Amino acid sequence: MSEIRKQLKKLPKSTTDKIKETYGTVDKFYATVYLIARNAHQCEMTAVPAADQRLRTIRAYQGMIRFMLDEEGLNGKGIMDDIASEYLEDFVNYREQDFGMTNEEFIAIIKRIG
């Protein structure tokens, strides 16, 4: 288990309760942030139609997540950066994570964030 995942498992109950309201579990929170980082990276790497708008939307969701973490007294930027770093490490090592989350679950979580 990665260092950031260990830190997330040790969060105070009040914080994990807040996370569970939106994400269901701390693991799904991690997966959501990871997948958002992956989407941002893919958007930056490829010239897809409306890439600028997609990237702005992704950044807005990252900002909302960071704000929620900051409100809980955590270092939102640090947590988000650590998870994004893990995605990038997987990317350069050709590893693909399977979080067992369907696209529908991911979309439902994204809707709850916004």
Protein backbone atom coordinates (compact mmCIF):
# COMPACT_ATOMS: atom_id res chain seq x y z
CA MET A 1 0.00 0.00 0.00
CA SER A 2 1.33 3.41 -0.96
CA GLU A 3 2.19 6.08 1.57
CA ILE A 4 -0.74 8.33 0.58
CA ARG A 5 -3.18 5.43 0.87
CA LYS A 6 -1.83 4.72 4.37
CA GLN A 7 -2.31 8.39 5.28
CA LEU A 8 -5.88 8.35 3.96
CA LYS A 9 -6.68 5.27 6.06
CA LYS A 10 -5.52 7.16 9.18
CA LEU A 11 -7.76 10.21 8.69
CA PRO A 12 -10.01 11.22 11.59
CA LYS A 13 -13.49 9.71 11.63
CA SER A 14 -15.12 13.09 10.97
CA THR A 15 -13.07 13.43 7.78
CA THR A 16 -13.72 9.88 6.60
CA ASP A 17 -17.44 10.44 7.25
CA LYS A 18 -17.30 13.54 5.04
CA ILE A 19 -15.47 11.60 2.33
CA LYS A 20 -17.97 8.73 2.52
CA GLU A 21 -20.87 11.15 1.94
CA THR A 22 -19.61 11.92 -1.55
CA TYR A 23 -17.36 9.02 -2.54
CA GLY A 24 -18.76 6.04 -0.63
CA THR A 25 -15.37 4.92 0.72
CA VAL A 26 -11.89 6.31 1.19
CA ASP A 27 -10.70 3.86 -1.50
CA LYS A 28 -13.22 5.28 -3.96
CA PHE A 29 -12.05 8.77 -3.05
CA TYR A 30 -8.49 7.76 -3.93
CA ALA A 31 -9.67 6.11 -7.16
CA THR A 32 -11.68 9.19 -8.15
CA VAL A 33 -8.76 11.58 -7.63
CA TYR A 34 -6.45 9.15 -9.47
CA LEU A 35 -8.83 8.84 -12.41
CA ILE A 36 -9.33 12.60 -12.60
CA ALA A 37 -5.54 13.01 -12.70
CA ARG A 38 -5.40 10.41 -15.47
CA ASN A 39 -8.09 12.22 -17.44
CA ALA A 40 -6.24 15.53 -17.06
CA HIS A 41 -2.99 13.96 -18.24
CA GLN A 42 -4.64 12.31 -21.24
CA CYS A 43 -6.35 15.56 -22.14
CA GLU A 44 -3.03 17.41 -21.97
CA MET A 45 -1.28 14.80 -24.13
CA THR A 46 -3.79 14.46 -26.94
CA ALA A 47 -5.34 17.02 -29.19
CA VAL A 48 -8.95 16.07 -28.64
CA PRO A 49 -11.81 18.34 -29.70
CA ALA A 50 -12.54 20.97 -27.07
CA ALA A 51 -9.49 19.90 -25.04
CA ASP A 52 -9.21 23.32 -23.41
CA GLN A 53 -12.80 23.20 -22.15
CA ARG A 54 -12.39 19.62 -20.93
CA LEU A 55 -9.22 20.57 -19.08
CA ARG A 56 -10.93 23.57 -17.46
CA THR A 57 -13.74 21.28 -16.29
CA ILE A 58 -11.25 18.77 -14.89
CA ARG A 59 -9.36 21.56 -13.08
CA ALA A 60 -12.64 22.83 -11.62
CA TYR A 61 -13.40 19.40 -10.14
CA GLN A 62 -9.86 19.14 -8.79
CA GLY A 63 -10.37 22.53 -7.17
CA MET A 64 -13.62 21.42 -5.53
CA ILE A 65 -11.98 18.29 -4.14
CA ARG A 66 -8.99 20.29 -2.88
CA PHE A 67 -11.34 22.79 -1.23
CA MET A 68 -13.22 19.98 0.56
CA LEU A 69 -9.93 18.57 1.86
CA ASP A 70 -8.73 22.02 2.93
CA GLU A 71 -12.02 22.59 4.78
CA GLU A 72 -11.28 19.43 6.75
CA GLY A 73 -7.94 20.91 7.83
CA LEU A 74 -5.91 18.76 5.46
CA ASN A 75 -3.34 19.75 2.86
CA GLY A 76 -5.62 19.31 -0.14
CA LYS A 77 -2.98 20.26 -2.69
CA GLY A 78 -0.47 17.84 -1.16
CA ILE A 79 -2.94 14.94 -1.13
CA MET A 80 -4.02 15.61 -4.70
CA ASP A 81 -0.40 15.96 -5.85
CA ASP A 82 0.61 12.70 -4.13
CA ILE A 83 -2.21 10.78 -5.83
CA ALA A 84 -1.42 12.39 -9.20
CA SER A 85 2.24 11.40 -8.71
CA GLU A 86 1.18 7.81 -8.20
CA TYR A 87 -0.81 7.94 -11.43
CA LEU A 88 2.20 9.38 -13.30
CA GLU A 89 4.48 6.71 -11.83
CA ASP A 90 2.07 4.03 -13.06
CA PHE A 91 1.91 5.74 -16.46
CA VAL A 92 5.67 5.81 -17.02
CA ASN A 93 5.94 2.20 -15.85
CA TYR A 94 3.08 1.06 -18.12
CA ARG A 95 0.95 -0.05 -15.18
CA GLU A 96 -2.81 0.15 -15.32
CA GLN A 97 -4.81 0.32 -12.09
CA ASP A 98 -8.15 -1.43 -11.83
CA PHE A 99 -10.13 0.06 -8.99
CA GLY A 100 -13.18 -2.09 -9.61
CA MET A 101 -15.24 1.03 -10.19
CA THR A 102 -17.60 1.21 -13.15
CA ASN A 103 -17.89 4.26 -15.36
CA GLU A 104 -21.38 4.76 -13.96
CA GLU A 105 -20.04 4.83 -10.39
CA PHE A 106 -17.33 7.30 -11.38
CA ILE A 107 -19.84 9.57 -13.11
CA ALA A 108 -22.21 9.39 -10.13
CA ILE A 109 -19.36 10.46 -7.82
CA ILE A 110 -18.41 13.31 -10.16
CA LYS A 111 -22.02 14.51 -10.11
CA ARG A 112 -22.02 14.47 -6.28
CA ILE A 113 -18.79 16.51 -6.19
CA GLY A 114 -20.26 19.28 -8.33
